[in-house]
Amino acid sequence: MRILLTNDDGITSRGLFAAKQALDAVGTVLVIAPDSNRSGSARSITIDRLLTLDEVALRDGSAAYATDGTPVDCVRFGDHGVVGERPDLIVSGINYGYNLGDDVTYSGTVAAAFEGLLLGIPGIAISQGAASAGADFRRHPEYDFGPAAGFLAGLVRMIGRRGLPQGTVLNVNVPAHPRGAGVCRLGKRIYRDQLELEADGDGRRRYRIYGDDPSYHDEPGTDFRMIAEGRIAVTPIHLDLTSDRALAEIGSWELEDVSLPPG
């Protein structure tokens, strides 16, 4: 199995390297990742400039590739065979911190797996929490990616045997000390963002919008509940954004009577 490994935390991420070590025992791993952090980049792509792609060495001396593009750009590089054969599977992660519920719409980790889906390549997005993350969790030396890496290797082997349902990406979230695993749906976030104006010596207004302490609706069968129970949350997700429930209702509107602009 040929596996393209990428992330949104950047090529130097310890989570990426932990995934690489685990996947080396499963298949042939090609690493293409952003050259620095791209968290929150979602499905952004680079269209206004040329992209760089540089060969770099990982912690074990193995070759990898770093680009100044986005996680989606990384998958595009892999699909076009720029540095090797087209992959059979996309793995994105291991991300620092969870990607749960509505957060997946912002996540560059999840976006990379989705890009594989559009290209006909199955994908996994995997993230891991920490016992005490905080705002600077990337600097925590005790951040142990072992649980997620071990689960990832077994999951990839299972996908190799059984495949994935067509049009499906697996979004996987792993607690620091997991007590089992299960399949669940995405939950609903409660964001607590506040607009804060910070003083600036040059007279410009600078704002902080996004808070660091979101909550969630505690509902059974969701990824939030499963993580709260200390279990690994595996959520099948897809990209069909059509609202089937609204098709009939909107279809009953008399759109032909709407005035169209002249010409």
C-alpha atoms as a PDB file:
ATOM      1  CA  MET A   1       0.000   0.000   0.000  1.00  0.00           C
ATOM      2  CA  ARG A   2       1.274   3.469  -0.936  1.00  0.00           C
ATOM      3  CA  ILE A   3       0.389   6.023   1.739  1.00  0.00           C
ATOM      4  CA  LEU A   4       0.632   9.795   1.381  1.00  0.00           C
ATOM      5  CA  LEU A   5       1.156  11.328   4.809  1.00  0.00           C
ATOM      6  CA  THR A   6       0.499  15.025   5.353  1.00  0.00           C
ATOM      7  CA  ASN A   7      -0.760  17.390   8.065  1.00  0.00           C
ATOM      8  CA  ASP A   8      -1.538  21.026   8.868  1.00  0.00           C
ATOM      9  CA  ASP A   9       0.903  21.423  11.777  1.00  0.00           C
ATOM     10  CA  GLY A  10       3.945  21.465   9.521  1.00  0.00           C
ATOM     11  CA  ILE A  11       6.765  19.162   8.455  1.00  0.00           C
ATOM     12  CA  THR A  12       8.554  19.350  11.833  1.00  0.00           C
ATOM     13  CA  SER A  13       5.523  18.176  13.833  1.00  0.00           C
ATOM     14  CA  ARG A  14       6.165  15.307  16.240  1.00  0.00           C
ATOM     15  CA  GLY A  15       2.685  14.045  15.425  1.00  0.00           C
ATOM     16  CA  LEU A  16       3.567  13.695  11.757  1.00  0.00           C
ATOM     17  CA  PHE A  17       6.746  11.811  12.634  1.00  0.00           C
ATOM     18  CA  ALA A  18       4.904   9.475  15.006  1.00  0.00           C
ATOM     19  CA  ALA A  19       2.461   8.662  12.218  1.00  0.00           C
ATOM     20  CA  LYS A  20       5.349   8.054   9.805  1.00  0.00           C
ATOM     21  CA  GLN A  21       7.006   5.598  12.178  1.00  0.00           C
ATOM     22  CA  ALA A  22       3.770   3.692  12.708  1.00  0.00           C
ATOM     23  CA  LEU A  23       2.877   3.552   9.019  1.00  0.00           C
ATOM     24  CA  ASP A  24       6.335   2.402   7.897  1.00  0.00           C
ATOM     25  CA  ALA A  25       5.336  -1.059   9.148  1.00  0.00           C
ATOM     26  CA  VAL A  26       2.144  -0.998   7.069  1.00  0.00           C
ATOM     27  CA  GLY A  27       3.165   0.272   3.640  1.00  0.00           C
ATOM     28  CA  THR A  28       5.327   2.633   1.618  1.00  0.00           C
ATOM     29  CA  VAL A  29       5.004   6.099   3.110  1.00  0.00           C
ATOM     30  CA  LEU A  30       5.510   9.342   1.168  1.00  0.00           C
ATOM     31  CA  VAL A  31       5.546  12.493   3.304  1.00  0.00           C
ATOM     32  CA  ILE A  32       4.526  15.860   1.849  1.00  0.00           C
ATOM     33  CA  ALA A  33       3.630  18.525   4.401  1.00  0.00           C
ATOM     34  CA  PRO A  34       3.529  22.309   4.755  1.00  0.00           C
ATOM     35  CA  ASP A  35       6.828  23.914   5.697  1.00  0.00           C
ATOM     36  CA  SER A  36       5.182  25.595   8.723  1.00  0.00           C
ATOM     37  CA  ASN A  37       1.930  25.568  10.643  1.00  0.00           C
ATOM     38  CA  ARG A  38      -1.262  25.833   8.562  1.00  0.00           C
ATOM     39  CA  SER A  39      -3.813  25.096  11.285  1.00  0.00           C
ATOM     40  CA  GLY A  40      -7.277  26.446  10.472  1.00  0.00           C
ATOM     41  CA  SER A  41      -6.508  26.636   6.752  1.00  0.00           C
ATOM     42  CA  ALA A  42      -9.444  24.343   5.900  1.00  0.00           C
ATOM     43  CA  ARG A  43      -9.726  23.640   2.147  1.00  0.00           C
ATOM     44  CA  SER A  44      -7.692  26.622   1.003  1.00  0.00           C
ATOM     45  CA  ILE A  45      -5.486  26.235  -2.053  1.00  0.00           C
ATOM     46  CA  THR A  46      -2.685  28.311  -3.556  1.00  0.00           C
ATOM     47  CA  ILE A  47      -3.637  29.858  -6.902  1.00  0.00           C
ATOM     48  CA  ASP A  48      -1.897  33.247  -7.006  1.00  0.00           C
ATOM     49  CA  ARG A  49       1.758  32.204  -7.010  1.00  0.00           C
ATOM     50  CA  LEU A  50       4.177  29.363  -7.715  1.00  0.00           C
ATOM     51  CA  LEU A  51       4.669  26.713  -5.042  1.00  0.00           C
ATOM     52  CA  THR A  52       8.007  25.496  -3.703  1.00  0.00           C
ATOM     53  CA  LEU A  53       8.689  21.837  -2.928  1.00  0.00           C
ATOM     54  CA  ASP A  54      11.910  21.070  -1.082  1.00  0.00           C
ATOM     55  CA  GLU A  55      13.344  17.729  -0.016  1.00  0.00           C
ATOM     56  CA  VAL A  56      14.049  17.643   3.713  1.00  0.00           C
ATOM     57  CA  ALA A  57      15.137  15.012   6.242  1.00  0.00           C
ATOM     58  CA  LEU A  58      12.897  13.818   9.054  1.00  0.00           C
ATOM     59  CA  ARG A  59      14.146  12.946  12.541  1.00  0.00           C
ATOM     60  CA  ASP A  60      15.187   9.457  11.430  1.00  0.00           C
ATOM     61  CA  GLY A  61      17.012  10.765   8.370  1.00  0.00           C
ATOM     62  CA  SER A  62      14.346   9.607   5.921  1.00  0.00           C
ATOM     63  CA  ALA A  63      13.419  11.859   3.009  1.00  0.00           C
ATOM     64  CA  ALA A  64      10.278  13.973   3.040  1.00  0.00           C
ATOM     65  CA  TYR A  65       9.030  17.025   1.165  1.00  0.00           C
ATOM     66  CA  ALA A  66       8.018  20.436   2.468  1.00  0.00           C
ATOM     67  CA  THR A  67       5.993  23.002   0.554  1.00  0.00           C
ATOM     68  CA  ASP A  68       5.000  26.600   1.189  1.00  0.00           C
ATOM     69  CA  GLY A  69       1.468  25.634   0.211  1.00  0.00           C
ATOM     70  CA  THR A  70      -1.516  24.299   2.138  1.00  0.00           C
ATOM     71  CA  PRO A  71      -2.454  20.759   3.224  1.00  0.00           C
ATOM     72  CA  VAL A  72      -4.705  20.502   0.162  1.00  0.00           C
ATOM     73  CA  ASP A  73      -1.785  21.532  -2.053  1.00  0.00           C
ATOM     74  CA  CYS A  74       0.228  18.689  -0.498  1.00  0.00           C
ATOM     75  CA  VAL A  75      -2.354  16.144  -1.557  1.00  0.00           C
ATOM     76  CA  ARG A  76      -2.449  17.621  -5.053  1.00  0.00           C
ATOM     77  CA  PHE A  77       1.326  17.188  -5.314  1.00  0.00           C
ATOM     78  CA  GLY A  78       0.949  13.550  -4.332  1.00  0.00           C
ATOM     79  CA  ASP A  79      -1.907  12.943  -6.754  1.00  0.00           C
ATOM     80  CA  HIS A  80       0.113  14.324  -9.658  1.00  0.00           C
ATOM     81  CA  GLY A  81       3.001  11.997  -8.855  1.00  0.00           C
ATOM     82  CA  VAL A  82       5.523  14.808  -8.496  1.00  0.00           C
ATOM     83  CA  VAL A  83       7.684  12.848  -6.048  1.00  0.00           C
ATOM     84  CA  GLY A  84       6.478   9.272  -6.483  1.00  0.00           C
ATOM     85  CA  GLU A  85       3.603   7.057  -7.555  1.00  0.00           C
ATOM     86  CA  ARG A  86       0.025   8.104  -6.918  1.00  0.00           C
ATOM     87  CA  PRO A  87      -0.984   7.012  -3.384  1.00  0.00           C
ATOM     88  CA  ASP A  88      -3.594   4.414  -2.444  1.00  0.00           C
ATOM     89  CA  LEU A  89      -4.469   6.161   0.819  1.00  0.00           C
ATOM     90  CA  ILE A  90      -4.231   9.658   2.297  1.00  0.00           C
ATOM     91  CA  VAL A  91      -3.414   9.964   5.999  1.00  0.00           C
ATOM     92  CA  SER A  92      -3.519  13.443   7.515  1.00  0.00           C
ATOM     93  CA  GLY A  93      -2.121  13.969  11.016  1.00  0.00           C
ATOM     94  CA  ILE A  94      -1.474  13.155  13.726  1.00  0.00           C
ATOM     95  CA  ASN A  95      -2.871  16.558  14.632  1.00  0.00           C
ATOM     96  CA  TYR A  96      -2.094  18.343  17.885  1.00  0.00           C
ATOM     97  CA  GLY A  97      -5.510  18.581  19.543  1.00  0.00           C
ATOM     98  CA  TYR A  98      -8.938  17.299  18.571  1.00  0.00           C
ATOM     99  CA  ASN A  99     -10.962  17.997  15.431  1.00  0.00           C
ATOM    100  CA  LEU A 100     -14.485  17.397  16.714  1.00  0.00           C
ATOM    101  CA  GLY A 101     -17.977  18.383  15.632  1.00  0.00           C
ATOM    102  CA  ASP A 102     -18.260  21.624  13.680  1.00  0.00           C
ATOM    103  CA  ASP A 103     -14.504  22.188  14.039  1.00  0.00           C
ATOM    104  CA  VAL A 104     -13.899  19.869  11.074  1.00  0.00           C
ATOM    105  CA  THR A 105     -15.052  22.638   8.723  1.00  0.00           C
ATOM    106  CA  TYR A 106     -12.053  24.757   9.768  1.00  0.00           C
ATOM    107  CA  SER A 107      -9.500  21.969   9.942  1.00  0.00           C
ATOM    108  CA  GLY A 108      -6.620  21.712   7.485  1.00  0.00           C
ATOM    109  CA  THR A 109      -6.094  18.168   8.776  1.00  0.00           C
ATOM    110  CA  VAL A 110      -9.570  17.096   7.703  1.00  0.00           C
ATOM    111  CA  ALA A 111      -9.359  19.123   4.480  1.00  0.00           C
ATOM    112  CA  ALA A 112      -6.365  17.108   3.273  1.00  0.00           C
ATOM    113  CA  ALA A 113      -8.296  13.863   3.701  1.00  0.00           C
ATOM    114  CA  PHE A 114     -11.282  15.405   1.913  1.00  0.00           C
ATOM    115  CA  GLU A 115      -9.055  16.353  -1.022  1.00  0.00           C
ATOM    116  CA  GLY A 116      -8.112  12.718  -1.445  1.00  0.00           C
ATOM    117  CA  LEU A 117     -11.822  11.902  -1.477  1.00  0.00           C
ATOM    118  CA  LEU A 118     -12.405  14.289  -4.392  1.00  0.00           C
ATOM    119  CA  LEU A 119      -9.521  12.654  -6.233  1.00  0.00           C
ATOM    120  CA  GLY A 120     -10.841   9.143  -5.675  1.00  0.00           C
ATOM    121  CA  ILE A 121      -8.317   8.281  -2.948  1.00  0.00           C
ATOM    122  CA  PRO A 122      -9.645   7.131   0.456  1.00  0.00           C
ATOM    123  CA  GLY A 123      -8.471   9.091   3.456  1.00  0.00           C
ATOM    124  CA  ILE A 124      -8.084   9.285   7.222  1.00  0.00           C
ATOM    125  CA  ALA A 125      -7.786  12.442   9.319  1.00  0.00           C
ATOM    126  CA  ILE A 126      -6.419  11.651  12.774  1.00  0.00           C
ATOM    127  CA  SER A 127      -6.000  13.911  15.785  1.00  0.00           C
ATOM    128  CA  GLN A 128      -4.981  13.408  19.379  1.00  0.00           C
ATOM    129  CA  GLY A 129      -5.718  15.295  22.573  1.00  0.00           C
ATOM    130  CA  ALA A 130      -3.335  15.805  25.453  1.00  0.00           C
ATOM    131  CA  ALA A 131      -3.876  15.319  29.154  1.00  0.00           C
ATOM    132  CA  SER A 132      -3.421  19.074  29.663  1.00  0.00           C
ATOM    133  CA  ALA A 133      -3.082  20.895  26.383  1.00  0.00           C
ATOM    134  CA  GLY A 134      -3.594  24.606  26.998  1.00  0.00           C
ATOM    135  CA  ALA A 135      -2.979  27.296  24.442  1.00  0.00           C
ATOM    136  CA  ASP A 136       0.672  26.315  23.880  1.00  0.00           C
ATOM    137  CA  PHE A 137       0.160  22.550  23.602  1.00  0.00           C
ATOM    138  CA  ARG A 138       2.604  22.237  20.703  1.00  0.00           C
ATOM    139  CA  ARG A 139       5.426  23.025  23.126  1.00  0.00           C
ATOM    140  CA  HIS A 140       4.505  20.354  25.662  1.00  0.00           C
ATOM    141  CA  PRO A 141       7.363  17.831  25.722  1.00  0.00           C
ATOM    142  CA  GLU A 142       5.084  15.235  27.376  1.00  0.00           C
ATOM    143  CA  TYR A 143       2.675  15.216  24.450  1.00  0.00           C
ATOM    144  CA  ASP A 144       2.595  11.501  23.634  1.00  0.00           C
ATOM    145  CA  PHE A 145       1.312  10.512  20.198  1.00  0.00           C
ATOM    146  CA  GLY A 146       1.787   6.796  20.909  1.00  0.00           C
ATOM    147  CA  PRO A 147      -1.926   5.972  21.397  1.00  0.00           C
ATOM    148  CA  ALA A 148      -2.971   7.605  18.120  1.00  0.00           C
ATOM    149  CA  ALA A 149      -0.023   6.141  16.203  1.00  0.00           C
ATOM    150  CA  GLY A 150      -0.765   2.627  17.406  1.00  0.00           C
ATOM    151  CA  PHE A 151      -4.455   2.898  16.557  1.00  0.00           C
ATOM    152  CA  LEU A 152      -3.639   4.428  13.171  1.00  0.00           C
ATOM    153  CA  ALA A 153      -1.457   1.497  12.106  1.00  0.00           C
ATOM    154  CA  GLY A 154      -4.160  -1.015  12.993  1.00  0.00           C
ATOM    155  CA  LEU A 155      -6.869   1.042  11.293  1.00  0.00           C
ATOM    156  CA  VAL A 156      -4.878   1.330   8.066  1.00  0.00           C
ATOM    157  CA  ARG A 157      -4.330  -2.430   8.053  1.00  0.00           C
ATOM    158  CA  MET A 158      -8.075  -2.932   8.462  1.00  0.00           C
ATOM    159  CA  ILE A 159      -8.827  -0.530   5.606  1.00  0.00           C
ATOM    160  CA  GLY A 160      -6.316  -2.427   3.472  1.00  0.00           C
ATOM    161  CA  ARG A 161      -8.356  -5.590   4.046  1.00  0.00           C
ATOM    162  CA  ARG A 162     -11.879  -4.176   3.982  1.00  0.00           C
ATOM    163  CA  GLY A 163     -11.701  -0.859   2.132  1.00  0.00           C
ATOM    164  CA  LEU A 164     -13.790   2.208   2.915  1.00  0.00           C
ATOM    165  CA  PRO A 165     -17.335   2.961   1.770  1.00  0.00           C
ATOM    166  CA  GLN A 166     -17.251   5.059  -1.384  1.00  0.00           C
ATOM    167  CA  GLY A 167     -17.222   8.792  -0.758  1.00  0.00           C
ATOM    168  CA  THR A 168     -16.216   8.412   2.885  1.00  0.00           C
ATOM    169  CA  VAL A 169     -13.390   9.846   4.983  1.00  0.00           C
ATOM    170  CA  LEU A 170     -12.700   8.694   8.535  1.00  0.00           C
ATOM    171  CA  ASN A 171     -12.243  11.461  11.081  1.00  0.00           C
ATOM    172  CA  VAL A 172     -10.475   9.913  14.066  1.00  0.00           C
ATOM    173  CA  ASN A 173      -9.953  11.565  17.461  1.00  0.00           C
ATOM    174  CA  VAL A 174      -7.858   9.868  20.127  1.00  0.00           C
ATOM    175  CA  PRO A 175      -7.787  10.750  23.857  1.00  0.00           C
ATOM    176  CA  ALA A 176      -4.476  10.841  25.687  1.00  0.00           C
ATOM    177  CA  HIS A 177      -5.362   7.622  27.529  1.00  0.00           C
ATOM    178  CA  PRO A 178      -7.987   5.804  25.436  1.00  0.00           C
ATOM    179  CA  ARG A 179     -10.298   3.185  26.919  1.00  0.00           C
ATOM    180  CA  GLY A 180     -11.719   1.594  23.794  1.00  0.00           C
ATOM    181  CA  ALA A 181     -13.025   2.914  20.480  1.00  0.00           C
ATOM    182  CA  GLY A 182     -16.301   3.306  18.644  1.00  0.00           C
ATOM    183  CA  VAL A 183     -18.088   4.796  15.654  1.00  0.00           C
ATOM    184  CA  CYS A 184     -20.086   7.990  16.170  1.00  0.00           C
ATOM    185  CA  ARG A 185     -21.491  11.052  14.449  1.00  0.00           C
ATOM    186  CA  LEU A 186     -20.215  14.620  14.583  1.00  0.00           C
ATOM    187  CA  GLY A 187     -21.478  16.661  17.512  1.00  0.00           C
ATOM    188  CA  LYS A 188     -22.382  20.337  17.748  1.00  0.00           C
ATOM    189  CA  ARG A 189     -19.970  22.974  19.005  1.00  0.00           C
ATOM    190  CA  ILE A 190     -20.821  25.915  21.241  1.00  0.00           C
ATOM    191  CA  TYR A 191     -18.381  28.683  20.398  1.00  0.00           C
ATOM    192  CA  ARG A 192     -17.638  31.395  22.942  1.00  0.00           C
ATOM    193  CA  ASP A 193     -15.831  33.861  20.722  1.00  0.00           C
ATOM    194  CA  GLN A 194     -15.601  37.490  21.787  1.00  0.00           C
ATOM    195  CA  LEU A 195     -14.418  40.546  19.925  1.00  0.00           C
ATOM    196  CA  GLU A 196     -11.467  42.065  21.779  1.00  0.00           C
ATOM    197  CA  LEU A 197      -9.714  45.261  20.738  1.00  0.00           C
ATOM    198  CA  GLU A 198      -6.021  45.354  21.596  1.00  0.00           C
ATOM    199  CA  ALA A 199      -4.138  48.600  22.011  1.00  0.00           C
ATOM    200  CA  ASP A 200      -1.591  49.337  19.336  1.00  0.00           C
ATOM    201  CA  GLY A 201       1.094  52.003  19.444  1.00  0.00           C
ATOM    202  CA  ASP A 202       0.756  52.849  15.753  1.00  0.00           C
ATOM    203  CA  GLY A 203      -2.917  53.760  16.088  1.00  0.00           C
ATOM    204  CA  ARG A 204      -4.285  50.842  14.092  1.00  0.00           C
ATOM    205  CA  ARG A 205      -7.134  48.761  15.472  1.00  0.00           C
ATOM    206  CA  ARG A 206      -6.216  45.128  16.089  1.00  0.00           C
ATOM    207  CA  TYR A 207      -8.836  42.626  17.092  1.00  0.00           C
ATOM    208  CA  ARG A 208      -8.938  39.155  18.559  1.00  0.00           C
ATOM    209  CA  ILE A 209     -12.083  37.222  17.563  1.00  0.00           C
ATOM    210  CA  TYR A 210     -11.576  33.581  18.379  1.00  0.00           C
ATOM    211  CA  GLY A 211     -11.702  32.269  21.926  1.00  0.00           C
ATOM    212  CA  ASP A 212      -9.831  29.291  23.363  1.00  0.00           C
ATOM    213  CA  ASP A 213     -12.583  27.757  25.491  1.00  0.00           C
ATOM    214  CA  PRO A 214     -15.431  26.424  23.309  1.00  0.00           C
ATOM    215  CA  SER A 215     -17.988  24.005  24.702  1.00  0.00           C
ATOM    216  CA  TYR A 216     -20.351  21.497  23.061  1.00  0.00           C
ATOM    217  CA  HIS A 217     -23.814  20.008  23.193  1.00  0.00           C
ATOM    218  CA  ASP A 218     -23.492  16.838  25.266  1.00  0.00           C
ATOM    219  CA  GLU A 219     -25.525  14.365  23.235  1.00  0.00           C
ATOM    220  CA  PRO A 220     -25.259  10.568  23.064  1.00  0.00           C
ATOM    221  CA  GLY A 221     -23.723   9.042  19.951  1.00  0.00           C
ATOM    222  CA  THR A 222     -21.492  12.031  19.207  1.00  0.00           C
ATOM    223  CA  ASP A 223     -17.737  12.391  18.992  1.00  0.00           C
ATOM    224  CA  PHE A 224     -17.799  14.821  21.925  1.00  0.00           C
ATOM    225  CA  ARG A 225     -19.530  12.269  24.150  1.00  0.00           C
ATOM    226  CA  MET A 226     -17.175   9.499  23.087  1.00  0.00           C
ATOM    227  CA  ILE A 227     -14.099  11.584  23.871  1.00  0.00           C
ATOM    228  CA  ALA A 228     -15.619  12.585  27.225  1.00  0.00           C
ATOM    229  CA  GLU A 229     -15.953   8.857  27.978  1.00  0.00           C
ATOM    230  CA  GLY A 230     -12.270   8.362  27.162  1.00  0.00           C
ATOM    231  CA  ARG A 231     -12.898   6.419  23.952  1.00  0.00           C
ATOM    232  CA  ILE A 232     -11.430   6.851  20.482  1.00  0.00           C
ATOM    233  CA  ALA A 233     -14.038   8.505  18.250  1.00  0.00           C
ATOM    234  CA  VAL A 234     -14.210   7.289  14.641  1.00  0.00           C
ATOM    235  CA  THR A 235     -16.607   9.335  12.502  1.00  0.00           C
ATOM    236  CA  PRO A 236     -17.374   8.574   8.825  1.00  0.00           C
ATOM    237  CA  ILE A 237     -17.849  11.912   7.048  1.00  0.00           C
ATOM    238  CA  HIS A 238     -18.442  12.939   3.440  1.00  0.00           C
ATOM    239  CA  LEU A 239     -18.577  16.014   1.199  1.00  0.00           C
ATOM    240  CA  ASP A 240     -22.144  15.892  -0.155  1.00  0.00           C
ATOM    241  CA  LEU A 241     -23.384  19.314   0.966  1.00  0.00           C
ATOM    242  CA  THR A 242     -26.760  19.077  -0.761  1.00  0.00           C
ATOM    243  CA  SER A 243     -29.683  19.437   1.639  1.00  0.00           C
ATOM    244  CA  ASP A 244     -31.934  16.583   0.551  1.00  0.00           C
ATOM    245  CA  ARG A 245     -34.547  17.661   3.082  1.00  0.00           C
ATOM    246  CA  ALA A 246     -34.782  21.125   1.504  1.00  0.00           C
ATOM    247  CA  LEU A 247     -34.821  20.002  -2.145  1.00  0.00           C
ATOM    248  CA  ALA A 248     -38.582  19.379  -2.244  1.00  0.00           C
ATOM    249  CA  GLU A 249     -39.424  22.576  -0.364  1.00  0.00           C
ATOM    250  CA  ILE A 250     -37.226  24.850  -2.478  1.00  0.00           C
ATOM    251  CA  GLY A 251     -38.358  22.937  -5.560  1.00  0.00           C
ATOM    252  CA  SER A 252     -41.947  24.049  -4.860  1.00  0.00           C
ATOM    253  CA  TRP A 253     -40.991  27.706  -5.068  1.00  0.00           C
ATOM    254  CA  GLU A 254     -42.178  29.426  -8.243  1.00  0.00           C
ATOM    255  CA  LEU A 255     -38.700  30.347  -9.391  1.00  0.00           C
ATOM    256  CA  GLU A 256     -39.862  30.941 -12.966  1.00  0.00           C
ATOM    257  CA  ASP A 257     -41.803  33.952 -11.653  1.00  0.00           C
ATOM    258  CA  VAL A 258     -38.708  35.567 -10.182  1.00  0.00           C
ATOM    259  CA  SER A 259     -37.747  38.646 -12.171  1.00  0.00           C
ATOM    260  CA  LEU A 260     -34.452  38.150 -13.977  1.00  0.00           C
ATOM    261  CA  PRO A 261     -32.097  41.028 -14.798  1.00  0.00           C
ATOM    262  CA  PRO A 262     -32.351  42.286 -18.378  1.00  0.00           C
ATOM    263  CA  GLY A 263     -30.009  40.864 -20.980  1.00  0.00           C
END
